[in-house]
Protein backbone atom coordinates (compact mmCIF):
# COMPACT_ATOMS: atom_id res chain seq x y z
CA UNK A 1 278.89 221.14 -103.39
CA UNK A 2 281.21 222.95 -106.27
CA UNK A 3 279.49 226.16 -105.00
CA UNK A 4 280.47 225.93 -101.42
CA UNK A 5 284.34 224.86 -102.66
CA UNK A 6 284.49 228.06 -104.80
CA UNK A 7 283.06 230.37 -102.15
CA UNK A 8 285.49 228.82 -99.82
CA UNK A 9 288.39 229.43 -101.77
CA UNK A 10 287.17 232.67 -103.36
CA UNK A 11 286.46 234.34 -99.54
CA UNK A 12 289.86 232.64 -98.21
CA UNK A 13 291.64 234.71 -100.86
CA UNK A 14 289.96 237.89 -100.34
CA UNK A 15 290.92 237.37 -96.67
CA UNK A 16 287.27 237.39 -95.79
CA UNK A 17 285.33 234.88 -93.90
CA UNK A 18 281.88 233.33 -95.28
CA UNK A 19 281.41 231.46 -91.83
CA UNK A 20 279.91 233.37 -88.76
CA UNK A 21 277.42 230.66 -88.07
CA UNK A 22 278.40 226.82 -87.01
CA UNK A 23 279.85 225.31 -90.12
CA UNK A 24 278.05 222.27 -92.20
CA UNK A 25 279.35 219.13 -92.92
CA UNK A 26 280.58 220.15 -96.47
CA UNK A 27 282.52 222.58 -95.14
CA UNK A 28 284.15 221.22 -92.54
CA UNK A 29 285.08 218.87 -95.24
CA UNK A 30 286.92 221.14 -96.92
CA UNK A 31 288.87 222.33 -94.35
CA UNK A 32 289.87 219.23 -93.57
CA UNK A 33 290.96 218.17 -97.26
CA UNK A 34 293.00 221.65 -97.62
CA UNK A 35 294.78 220.85 -94.13
CA UNK A 36 295.70 217.39 -94.61
CA UNK A 37 296.21 215.02 -92.17
CA UNK A 38 298.73 215.57 -89.35
CA UNK A 39 300.49 214.64 -85.80
CA UNK A 40 301.65 217.15 -83.44
CA UNK A 41 301.86 217.74 -80.01
CA UNK A 42 300.96 219.79 -77.09
CA UNK A 43 303.58 222.53 -76.71
CA UNK A 44 305.05 224.44 -73.71
CA UNK A 45 308.86 224.95 -73.90
CA UNK A 46 310.28 223.29 -71.17
CA UNK A 47 311.63 226.39 -69.19
CA UNK A 48 308.54 227.77 -68.52
CA UNK A 49 305.91 226.05 -65.70
CA UNK A 50 302.64 227.16 -67.31
CA UNK A 51 301.00 229.35 -69.55
CA UNK A 52 301.87 232.61 -68.21
CA UNK A 53 305.46 232.12 -67.59
CA UNK A 54 305.37 231.39 -71.36
CA UNK A 55 303.96 234.34 -72.34
CA UNK A 56 304.37 236.92 -70.14
CA UNK A 57 307.38 239.66 -71.41
CA UNK A 58 309.87 238.80 -68.92
CA UNK A 59 309.73 235.07 -69.23
CA UNK A 60 308.87 234.89 -73.09
CA UNK A 61 311.87 232.62 -74.53
CA UNK A 62 312.00 232.99 -78.26
CA UNK A 63 315.23 231.52 -78.45
CA UNK A 64 314.23 228.13 -76.34
CA UNK A 65 310.59 228.16 -78.24
CA UNK A 66 312.61 227.86 -81.64
CA UNK A 67 314.75 225.45 -80.56
CA UNK A 68 312.11 223.21 -79.14
CA UNK A 69 309.69 223.52 -82.34
CA UNK A 70 312.72 222.70 -84.63
CA UNK A 71 312.67 219.22 -82.31
CA UNK A 72 309.05 218.57 -83.14
CA UNK A 73 309.98 219.48 -87.04
CA UNK A 74 312.51 216.60 -86.48
CA UNK A 75 309.95 214.32 -85.59
CA UNK A 76 307.71 214.86 -88.90
CA UNK A 77 305.16 216.82 -86.72
CA UNK A 78 302.92 219.53 -88.65
CA UNK A 79 301.20 221.41 -85.45
CA UNK A 80 301.16 222.04 -81.85
CA UNK A 81 298.57 222.77 -79.57
CA UNK A 82 299.30 225.94 -77.15
CA UNK A 83 297.29 227.40 -74.19
CA UNK A 84 296.78 230.99 -74.28
CA UNK A 85 295.48 232.75 -70.91
CA UNK A 86 293.07 236.11 -70.53
CA UNK A 87 295.16 237.64 -68.14
CA UNK A 88 297.95 238.38 -70.45
CA UNK A 89 295.42 239.90 -72.64
CA UNK A 90 294.41 241.82 -69.45
CA UNK A 91 298.23 242.84 -68.48
CA UNK A 92 299.15 243.96 -72.06
CA UNK A 93 297.01 243.04 -75.14
CA UNK A 94 298.90 244.72 -77.45
CA UNK A 95 302.24 242.96 -76.22
CA UNK A 96 300.49 239.87 -75.96
CA UNK A 97 299.42 240.23 -79.76
CA UNK A 98 303.06 240.73 -80.57
CA UNK A 99 304.68 238.00 -78.77
CA UNK A 100 302.04 235.42 -80.71
CA UNK A 101 303.00 237.04 -83.55
CA UNK A 102 306.36 235.85 -82.82
CA UNK A 103 305.53 232.33 -81.60
CA UNK A 104 303.48 231.83 -84.94
CA UNK A 105 306.33 233.24 -87.05
CA UNK A 106 308.86 230.59 -85.58
CA UNK A 107 306.51 227.68 -86.01
CA UNK A 108 305.94 228.73 -90.11
CA UNK A 109 309.83 228.69 -90.26
CA UNK A 110 309.36 225.02 -89.06
CA UNK A 111 306.22 224.30 -91.19
CA UNK A 112 303.91 223.96 -88.00
CA UNK A 113 300.66 225.01 -87.95
CA UNK A 114 299.18 226.17 -84.34
CA UNK A 115 295.92 225.67 -82.53
CA UNK A 116 295.17 227.59 -79.68
CA UNK A 117 293.46 227.28 -76.68
CA UNK A 118 291.42 229.84 -75.29
CA UNK A 119 290.52 228.59 -71.98
CA UNK A 120 291.25 225.77 -69.85
CA UNK A 121 289.30 223.93 -66.71
CA UNK A 122 292.47 222.22 -65.56
CA UNK A 123 294.58 222.30 -62.31
CA UNK A 124 295.09 225.41 -60.18
CA UNK A 125 291.83 227.58 -59.78
CA UNK A 126 293.16 231.30 -58.83
CA UNK A 127 295.83 232.14 -61.58
CA UNK A 128 298.04 235.11 -60.93
CA UNK A 129 300.31 237.73 -62.85
CA UNK A 130 303.76 238.04 -62.15
CA UNK A 131 306.69 235.91 -61.34
CA UNK A 132 305.66 232.44 -61.12
CA UNK A 133 306.29 230.02 -58.69
CA UNK A 134 309.01 226.98 -59.46
CA UNK A 135 307.83 223.48 -59.86
CA UNK A 136 307.10 221.53 -57.23
CA UNK A 137 309.38 218.42 -56.95
CA UNK A 138 307.91 215.10 -58.41
CA UNK A 139 304.69 217.03 -58.94
CA UNK A 140 302.82 216.43 -62.46
CA UNK A 141 301.89 219.91 -63.76
CA UNK A 142 302.32 221.38 -60.11
CA UNK A 143 301.88 224.77 -61.19
CA UNK A 144 299.13 225.08 -64.20
CA UNK A 145 296.57 227.39 -64.08
CA UNK A 146 293.21 227.52 -64.82
CA UNK A 147 291.82 230.18 -67.04
CA UNK A 148 289.74 232.00 -66.49
CA UNK A 149 290.13 231.10 -62.95
CA UNK A 150 287.38 230.16 -60.10
CA UNK A 151 286.47 233.88 -59.59
CA UNK A 152 285.02 234.39 -62.70
CA UNK A 153 283.40 230.89 -63.32
CA UNK A 154 281.41 231.33 -60.22
CA UNK A 155 280.23 234.69 -60.87
CA UNK A 156 277.94 235.19 -64.06
CA UNK A 157 278.45 238.97 -63.58
CA UNK A 158 282.16 238.76 -64.55
CA UNK A 159 281.67 236.67 -67.86
CA UNK A 160 280.73 239.58 -69.99
CA UNK A 161 284.66 240.80 -69.22
CA UNK A 162 285.85 237.78 -71.04
CA UNK A 163 284.63 239.10 -74.75
CA UNK A 164 287.29 241.73 -75.39
CA UNK A 165 290.10 239.02 -75.02
CA UNK A 166 288.00 236.39 -77.28
CA UNK A 167 287.27 238.72 -79.82
CA UNK A 168 290.70 240.63 -79.98
CA UNK A 169 292.69 237.41 -80.11
CA UNK A 170 290.63 235.71 -82.72
CA UNK A 171 289.70 238.93 -84.47
CA UNK A 172 293.43 239.61 -85.04
CA UNK A 173 294.26 236.28 -86.43
CA UNK A 174 291.08 235.04 -88.01
CA UNK A 175 292.54 235.09 -91.28
CA UNK A 176 295.91 233.82 -90.57
CA UNK A 177 297.04 230.58 -92.19
CA UNK A 178 299.34 229.73 -89.73
CA UNK A 179 296.39 228.95 -87.07
CA UNK A 180 294.60 225.42 -87.69
CA UNK A 181 291.85 225.94 -85.25
CA UNK A 182 290.38 227.37 -82.00
CA UNK A 183 289.87 225.12 -79.04
CA UNK A 184 287.59 227.91 -77.02
CA UNK A 185 287.57 225.90 -74.20
CA UNK A 186 289.94 222.75 -73.08
CA UNK A 187 287.99 220.22 -70.90
CA UNK A 188 285.35 222.63 -69.34
CA UNK A 189 284.04 220.55 -67.29
CA UNK A 190 286.94 219.40 -65.13
CA UNK A 191 288.11 220.30 -61.64
CA UNK A 192 284.84 219.42 -60.26
CA UNK A 193 282.78 222.27 -62.16
CA UNK A 194 279.34 220.93 -62.74
CA UNK A 195 277.63 221.10 -66.91
CA UNK A 196 274.92 223.81 -65.15
CA UNK A 197 278.11 225.92 -64.20
CA UNK A 198 280.12 225.86 -66.94
CA UNK A 199 277.48 225.69 -70.02
CA UNK A 200 276.00 229.19 -70.32
CA UNK A 201 279.80 230.64 -70.41
CA UNK A 202 280.58 228.01 -72.84
CA UNK A 203 278.20 229.04 -75.24
CA UNK A 204 278.87 232.50 -74.95
CA UNK A 205 282.50 232.06 -75.49
CA UNK A 206 281.67 230.11 -78.77
CA UNK A 207 279.68 232.38 -80.11
CA UNK A 208 281.95 235.61 -79.67
CA UNK A 209 284.68 233.33 -81.92
CA UNK A 210 282.27 233.08 -84.43
CA UNK A 211 281.51 237.23 -84.00
CA UNK A 212 284.99 237.55 -84.75
CA UNK A 213 284.20 235.56 -88.01
CA UNK A 214 287.59 233.97 -88.19
CA UNK A 215 288.43 231.47 -91.08
CA UNK A 216 289.58 228.53 -88.94
CA UNK A 217 286.86 225.81 -87.15
CA UNK A 218 286.01 225.86 -83.74
CA UNK A 219 286.42 223.15 -81.42
CA UNK A 220 286.07 222.02 -77.59
CA UNK A 221 287.31 218.89 -76.54
CA UNK A 222 285.06 215.70 -74.96
CA UNK A 223 287.14 214.13 -72.39
CA UNK A 224 284.93 212.20 -70.12
CA UNK A 225 284.30 208.53 -71.22
CA UNK A 226 285.48 208.83 -74.64
CA UNK A 227 284.92 205.46 -75.90
CA UNK A 228 281.41 205.56 -74.71
CA UNK A 229 278.90 206.83 -77.43
CA UNK A 230 276.35 207.48 -74.83
CA UNK A 231 277.02 211.22 -74.89
CA UNK A 232 275.68 213.47 -71.89
CA UNK A 233 273.71 216.81 -72.74
CA UNK A 234 276.79 218.51 -71.91
CA UNK A 235 279.00 216.74 -73.91
CA UNK A 236 276.37 217.25 -77.15
CA UNK A 237 276.80 221.15 -76.12
CA UNK A 238 280.45 220.89 -76.91
CA UNK A 239 280.19 218.93 -80.10
CA UNK A 240 277.28 221.25 -81.58
CA UNK A 241 279.16 224.22 -81.03
CA UNK A 242 282.08 223.03 -82.63
CA UNK A 243 282.95 223.03 -86.07
CA UNK A 244 285.19 219.95 -86.22
CA UNK A 245 284.92 217.41 -83.04
CA UNK A 246 287.50 216.90 -80.91
CA UNK A 247 288.23 214.37 -78.10
CA UNK A 248 290.75 213.50 -75.45
CA UNK A 249 292.07 209.87 -75.05
CA UNK A 250 294.07 207.99 -72.63
CA UNK A 251 293.49 204.70 -73.07
CA UNK A 252 294.55 201.43 -74.84
CA UNK A 253 294.27 200.72 -78.74
CA UNK A 254 290.87 198.72 -78.67
CA UNK A 255 289.19 201.95 -76.73
CA UNK A 256 290.92 204.51 -78.68
CA UNK A 257 289.62 202.71 -82.01
CA UNK A 258 285.84 202.73 -80.32
CA UNK A 259 286.29 206.28 -79.42
CA UNK A 260 287.59 207.68 -82.91
CA UNK A 261 284.78 205.76 -84.74
CA UNK A 262 282.00 206.69 -82.17
CA UNK A 263 283.03 210.61 -82.49
CA UNK A 264 283.38 210.17 -86.43
CA UNK A 265 280.13 208.82 -86.63
CA UNK A 266 278.48 211.71 -84.41
CA UNK A 267 277.81 213.77 -86.91
CA UNK A 268 278.45 211.51 -89.83
CA UNK A 269 281.20 213.16 -92.25
CA UNK A 270 282.47 216.04 -89.58
CA UNK A 271 286.07 215.78 -89.01
CA UNK A 272 287.17 214.72 -85.60
CA UNK A 273 290.70 215.69 -84.15
CA UNK A 274 292.09 213.81 -81.02
CA UNK A 275 294.00 216.63 -78.92
CA UNK A 276 295.13 214.79 -75.98
CA UNK A 277 296.51 211.41 -76.02
CA UNK A 278 299.65 209.36 -75.29
CA UNK A 279 300.03 208.33 -71.53
CA UNK A 280 302.29 205.46 -71.38
CA UNK A 281 301.47 203.65 -68.20
CA UNK A 282 297.73 204.52 -68.61
CA UNK A 283 297.89 202.05 -71.99
CA UNK A 284 298.13 204.80 -74.69
CA UNK A 285 301.44 204.96 -76.53
CA UNK A 286 302.22 206.12 -79.89
CA UNK A 287 302.40 202.32 -81.27
CA UNK A 288 300.03 201.27 -82.68
CA UNK A 289 297.69 204.78 -81.78
CA UNK A 290 299.53 206.91 -84.04
CA UNK A 291 297.98 205.00 -87.08
CA UNK A 292 295.04 204.46 -85.86
CA UNK A 293 294.67 208.21 -86.21
CA UNK A 294 296.38 208.37 -89.08
CA UNK A 295 294.06 205.66 -91.09
CA UNK A 296 290.93 207.49 -89.77
CA UNK A 297 292.52 210.71 -90.66
CA UNK A 298 291.98 212.16 -87.30
CA UNK A 299 294.67 214.72 -86.66
CA UNK A 300 296.57 213.35 -83.50
CA UNK A 301 297.93 215.66 -81.03
CA UNK A 302 299.86 213.80 -77.84
CA UNK A 303 300.53 215.50 -74.85
CA UNK A 304 304.21 216.77 -74.42
CA UNK A 305 307.18 217.32 -76.24
CA UNK A 306 310.28 218.10 -74.48
CA UNK A 307 310.30 217.08 -70.37
CA UNK A 308 310.39 220.56 -68.43
CA UNK A 309 309.19 222.49 -65.75
CA UNK A 310 305.28 221.21 -65.78
CA UNK A 311 306.83 217.92 -65.11
CA UNK A 312 304.68 215.67 -66.99
CA UNK A 313 307.27 213.06 -67.18
CA UNK A 314 305.28 212.31 -63.91
CA UNK A 315 301.88 210.42 -63.81
CA UNK A 316 298.62 212.09 -62.87
CA UNK A 317 298.69 210.21 -59.39
CA UNK A 318 302.18 212.38 -58.38
CA UNK A 319 300.20 214.89 -57.08
CA UNK A 320 301.18 217.11 -54.08
CA UNK A 321 300.04 214.71 -51.77
CA UNK A 322 301.78 212.14 -53.24
CA UNK A 323 305.04 213.29 -55.14
CA UNK A 324 307.61 211.28 -56.77
CA UNK A 325 311.05 210.37 -55.11
CA UNK A 326 312.55 210.04 -58.20
CA UNK A 327 312.18 209.98 -62.12
CA UNK A 328 309.87 207.15 -63.32
CA UNK A 329 311.34 204.32 -65.10
CA UNK A 330 308.96 205.02 -68.17
CA UNK A 331 307.76 208.49 -68.48
CA UNK A 332 304.41 209.47 -68.41
CA UNK A 333 304.04 211.92 -71.35
CA UNK A 334 306.84 213.99 -73.10
CA UNK A 335 308.81 212.74 -76.02
CA UNK A 336 312.48 214.20 -75.56
CA UNK A 337 314.96 216.00 -72.98
CA UNK A 338 315.88 219.80 -73.14
CA UNK A 339 318.81 218.90 -75.09
CA UNK A 340 316.51 217.27 -77.83
CA UNK A 341 317.62 213.07 -76.93
CA UNK A 342 314.91 210.89 -76.68
CA UNK A 343 313.30 209.11 -74.01
CA UNK A 344 313.08 206.23 -76.28
CA UNK A 345 314.69 206.37 -79.46
CA UNK A 346 312.75 203.40 -81.11
CA UNK A 347 309.68 205.24 -80.39
CA UNK A 348 311.19 208.21 -82.09
CA UNK A 349 311.92 206.18 -85.15
CA UNK A 350 308.50 205.14 -85.00
CA UNK A 351 306.93 208.45 -84.87
CA UNK A 352 309.05 209.32 -87.59
CA UNK A 353 307.97 206.57 -89.61
CA UNK A 354 304.33 207.26 -89.38
CA UNK A 355 304.63 211.11 -89.95
CA UNK A 356 306.98 210.60 -92.80
CA UNK A 357 305.90 208.04 -94.63
CA UNK A 358 309.06 205.97 -94.05
CA UNK A 359 309.40 201.84 -92.88
CA UNK A 360 311.13 201.46 -89.19
């Protein structure tokens, strides 16, 4: 064990990663001890309707990002989870990397680490570059786009087109201490994709990330039936290709505690991260959930920071067939208005009490 610790810090100091295979449990625990417990949020700036609008050159707004990450820092948050897209690499790889560097600079200024998400199976299946459509009024996340998109997922002959993006982005930041971890695929079997359809590409992506030899851990979140320990073969594939286990849970405190216990027990001693929670009207709230995560040493990343164009103050049920006609009395996700004022000031004080270790 002492030798593992020495090797980790020696190679990290030299800017070299020793881990091209899945991390052992002791190695993952060393990483956990080094980064410590954090709370954070999934982040898109309030003026971006999706990940393409966030990072395309014409709409990349570092001033807004700086202001809103400042809000996160005021809440005591130490991490944000940020979605990328393969089309951004295809469009302008050099410019994209430059914008990611700028984003990391701003996050670092606010003492915030970043978890980058490389792929995502949620929402609209046909992403396109260029000017992004306006949000549909009253609809939850109305213009978010999948990465890589339906056309590639349904054509194995195109899978290898994605390798340059994965290895290019991960390789560029593989020794960057500002990057907390690599979420290589968000909810891969969402949007009706079958396990058999997704699994071959999921494993390819994991292998491409490992081939880039990053110093940061890999993960991909389990999201269906998270409070059950009866994991499917696909969920086991996800976890067995992850250096740290990650999961999503939008449920009450009892089921959240059960999920925490089960994921920590899956590969005993391997750290776990909750990369999505907090949907108020579904029973997933900051209090007491944030304390449950803290007490279990599970990094906790809620959905949403600032209410904006992704419109996640509306619940999932407000889709294109059922748009809301007015803002909800109780927000589904998100914490702050675009001017930094709180949806619920008492909630903000509670978050700060946990992140700062103070009393409410």
